[in-house]
Amino acid sequence: MLWHFCNLRVDLIENNEYGFCSLIKATKTVLDKIELENRTETQITSKERIDKRLWNPVAIREAIINSIIHNDYTREVPPKFDIFSDRIEIISAGRLPEGLSEEDFFEGVSIPRNRELMRVYRDLELVEQLGSGVPRILESYGKECFRFMGYFIRMIFPISEGVPPSLPPSRKISGSIYGRA
């Protein structure tokens, strides 16, 4: 996995690779990194204190795990995770599986690309294999956060409304996973 922080794709500040270990260990490392970066912003108003996370943690967790489990590893392209000053982008290799329409995808129909990997993640209670990941993402972010781009799926998660950008405009963190189950 690779990590980047920035507003433009060319302004790379930090680049981490979370690979050459098991995908399970890499997944947990990426989830820990996102948890660290997903800080809580506080706004004090005349009536109350409002705490907001930069991104919805449940939706981001689902997107990270889905990108790893459903990634097409046959072309040796790992999932990629970029943190920009105003958003997180997650890119997973592979088109939707044969027979799965975008409508089915958004309804939560699940056709695992990597069945054995899905089984291992389910045994470790990292996934439920119920097709609930995309609907959970859609509870916090609309369908427009998904971009189907030829051979890749890009998910773009803007920071929560009312939260100022967390990084200076010229900062970007990037990460990608190379691993084995």
Protein backbone atom coordinates (compact mmCIF):
# COMPACT_ATOMS: atom_id res chain seq x y z
CA MET A 1 0.00 0.00 0.00
CA LEU A 2 1.18 3.48 -0.71
CA TRP A 3 0.23 6.67 1.13
CA HIS A 4 0.41 10.26 -0.11
CA PHE A 5 -0.54 13.66 1.41
CA CYS A 6 -1.17 16.69 -0.85
CA ASN A 7 -3.66 18.82 -2.74
CA LEU A 8 -2.13 18.13 -6.14
CA ARG A 9 -0.97 14.68 -7.20
CA VAL A 10 2.56 15.96 -7.86
CA ASP A 11 3.25 17.41 -4.38
CA LEU A 12 4.26 14.19 -2.63
CA ILE A 13 5.37 14.63 0.98
CA GLU A 14 5.14 11.12 2.41
CA ASN A 15 5.11 7.76 0.63
CA ASN A 16 4.71 4.50 2.54
CA GLU A 17 4.57 0.96 1.27
CA TYR A 18 2.74 -1.49 3.50
CA GLY A 19 3.67 -4.63 1.69
CA PHE A 20 6.06 -7.50 1.60
CA CYS A 21 4.08 -8.92 4.51
CA SER A 22 0.72 -10.65 4.75
CA LEU A 23 -2.33 -8.80 3.42
CA ILE A 24 -3.89 -9.18 6.86
CA LYS A 25 -1.00 -7.39 8.57
CA ALA A 26 -0.96 -4.75 5.82
CA THR A 27 -4.73 -4.24 6.19
CA LYS A 28 -4.40 -3.66 9.92
CA THR A 29 -1.48 -1.26 9.35
CA VAL A 30 -3.50 0.77 6.84
CA LEU A 31 -6.53 0.84 9.16
CA ASP A 32 -4.28 2.05 12.00
CA LYS A 33 -2.75 4.75 9.74
CA ILE A 34 -6.19 6.02 8.71
CA GLU A 35 -7.36 6.03 12.33
CA LEU A 36 -4.32 8.15 13.20
CA GLU A 37 -4.94 10.59 10.33
CA ASN A 38 -8.72 10.76 10.93
CA ARG A 39 -8.54 13.17 13.79
CA THR A 40 -11.46 14.83 15.54
CA GLU A 41 -12.02 18.51 14.89
CA THR A 42 -13.85 20.49 17.57
CA GLN A 43 -16.01 23.55 17.06
CA ILE A 44 -17.20 25.53 20.06
CA THR A 45 -20.46 27.38 19.50
CA SER A 46 -22.49 29.57 21.83
CA LYS A 47 -24.72 26.58 22.63
CA GLU A 48 -22.54 23.52 22.42
CA ARG A 49 -19.30 21.83 21.55
CA ILE A 50 -19.39 19.94 18.24
CA ASP A 51 -16.85 17.18 17.57
CA LYS A 52 -16.45 15.86 14.01
CA ARG A 53 -14.12 13.28 12.53
CA LEU A 54 -12.55 14.23 9.20
CA TRP A 55 -14.10 11.15 7.59
CA ASN A 56 -16.76 8.68 8.66
CA PRO A 57 -14.67 5.87 10.21
CA VAL A 58 -17.11 3.06 9.36
CA ALA A 59 -17.38 4.06 5.70
CA ILE A 60 -13.61 4.47 5.33
CA ARG A 61 -12.95 1.10 6.99
CA GLU A 62 -15.40 -0.58 4.58
CA ALA A 63 -13.78 1.12 1.59
CA ILE A 64 -10.27 0.11 2.66
CA ILE A 65 -11.15 -3.52 3.29
CA ASN A 66 -13.27 -3.77 0.11
CA SER A 67 -10.42 -2.32 -1.95
CA ILE A 68 -8.06 -4.97 -0.60
CA ILE A 69 -10.40 -7.97 -0.82
CA HIS A 70 -11.85 -7.16 -4.25
CA ASN A 71 -8.59 -5.92 -5.84
CA ASP A 72 -7.51 -7.75 -9.01
CA TYR A 73 -4.06 -9.00 -8.02
CA THR A 74 -3.53 -10.90 -11.31
CA ARG A 75 -1.92 -7.79 -12.81
CA GLU A 76 0.19 -7.17 -9.71
CA VAL A 77 -1.38 -3.75 -9.12
CA PRO A 78 -1.93 -3.13 -5.40
CA PRO A 79 -4.72 -1.01 -3.90
CA LYS A 80 -3.62 2.59 -3.39
CA PHE A 81 -4.61 5.00 -0.63
CA ASP A 82 -4.04 8.75 -0.96
CA ILE A 83 -4.77 11.33 1.73
CA PHE A 84 -5.08 14.87 0.38
CA SER A 85 -5.72 18.07 2.31
CA ASP A 86 -9.43 17.88 1.48
CA ARG A 87 -10.15 14.18 0.80
CA ILE A 88 -9.08 10.54 0.85
CA GLU A 89 -8.86 8.62 -2.44
CA ILE A 90 -8.79 4.83 -2.55
CA ILE A 91 -8.05 3.08 -5.84
CA SER A 92 -8.62 -0.62 -6.41
CA ALA A 93 -7.56 -2.48 -9.55
CA GLY A 94 -10.16 -4.35 -11.55
CA ARG A 95 -13.52 -3.75 -13.14
CA LEU A 96 -16.78 -4.86 -11.60
CA PRO A 97 -17.00 -8.66 -11.85
CA GLU A 98 -18.73 -10.15 -14.91
CA GLY A 99 -22.50 -9.95 -14.50
CA LEU A 100 -22.45 -7.26 -11.78
CA SER A 101 -23.96 -3.96 -12.90
CA GLU A 102 -23.31 -0.62 -11.23
CA GLU A 103 -26.91 -0.73 -9.99
CA ASP A 104 -26.31 -4.15 -8.40
CA PHE A 105 -23.06 -2.85 -6.92
CA PHE A 106 -24.83 0.07 -5.24
CA GLU A 107 -27.56 -2.27 -3.95
CA GLY A 108 -24.93 -4.31 -2.11
CA VAL A 109 -24.80 -7.38 -4.35
CA SER A 110 -21.47 -9.04 -3.62
CA ILE A 111 -19.52 -11.19 -6.05
CA PRO A 112 -16.16 -11.74 -4.36
CA ARG A 113 -13.24 -11.54 -6.78
CA ASN A 114 -10.92 -13.33 -4.35
CA ARG A 115 -13.05 -16.00 -2.64
CA GLU A 116 -10.30 -17.55 -0.53
CA LEU A 117 -9.11 -14.13 0.65
CA MET A 118 -12.72 -13.29 1.55
CA ARG A 119 -12.97 -16.54 3.53
CA VAL A 120 -9.78 -15.76 5.48
CA TYR A 121 -10.96 -12.21 6.27
CA ARG A 122 -14.37 -13.59 7.33
CA ASP A 123 -12.71 -16.20 9.59
CA LEU A 124 -10.73 -13.38 11.24
CA GLU A 125 -13.96 -11.36 11.61
CA LEU A 126 -12.64 -8.53 9.45
CA VAL A 127 -15.65 -8.88 7.10
CA GLU A 128 -19.16 -10.31 7.27
CA GLN A 129 -19.53 -11.17 3.54
CA LEU A 130 -23.10 -9.86 3.57
CA GLY A 131 -22.73 -7.28 0.82
CA SER A 132 -23.12 -4.54 3.44
CA GLY A 133 -19.91 -2.62 2.66
CA VAL A 134 -21.11 -0.40 -0.19
CA PRO A 135 -24.48 0.36 1.49
CA ARG A 136 -22.55 1.38 4.64
CA ILE A 137 -20.40 3.72 2.56
CA LEU A 138 -23.52 5.16 0.89
CA GLU A 139 -25.01 5.99 4.32
CA SER A 140 -22.34 8.69 4.68
CA TYR A 141 -21.24 9.41 1.10
CA GLY A 142 -23.32 9.42 -2.09
CA LYS A 143 -22.87 7.33 -5.20
CA GLU A 144 -20.78 10.16 -6.64
CA CYS A 145 -17.88 9.12 -4.38
CA PHE A 146 -17.41 6.09 -6.68
CA ARG A 147 -15.69 6.49 -10.06
CA PHE A 148 -15.56 3.53 -12.44
CA MET A 149 -12.49 4.18 -14.61
CA GLY A 150 -11.74 1.49 -17.16
CA TYR A 151 -9.74 -1.02 -15.18
CA PHE A 152 -9.92 0.74 -11.79
CA ILE A 153 -12.47 1.83 -9.21
CA ARG A 154 -11.67 5.08 -7.42
CA MET A 155 -13.45 6.10 -4.24
CA ILE A 156 -13.20 9.75 -3.22
CA PHE A 157 -14.19 10.76 0.31
CA PRO A 158 -14.20 14.52 1.02
CA ILE A 159 -13.58 15.70 4.56
CA SER A 160 -16.72 16.18 6.64
CA GLU A 161 -18.73 19.30 6.00
CA GLY A 162 -17.71 22.18 8.23
CA VAL A 163 -14.27 20.74 8.97
CA PRO A 164 -11.35 22.77 7.59
CA PRO A 165 -8.78 20.89 5.51
CA SER A 166 -6.44 18.95 7.78
CA LEU A 167 -3.24 19.33 5.80
CA PRO A 168 -1.53 22.28 4.24
CA PRO A 169 -2.59 22.54 0.57
CA SER A 170 0.79 21.28 -0.63
CA ARG A 171 0.89 18.12 1.51
CA LYS A 172 -0.07 14.60 0.44
CA ILE A 173 0.37 11.12 1.96
CA SER A 174 0.26 8.00 -0.18
CA GLY A 175 0.30 4.27 0.53
CA SER A 176 -0.17 0.98 -1.29
CA ILE A 177 -0.23 -2.71 -0.37
CA TYR A 178 1.89 -5.47 -1.77
CA GLY A 179 1.36 -8.64 0.19
CA ARG A 180 0.15 -12.15 0.49
CA ALA A 181 -2.78 -13.63 2.46
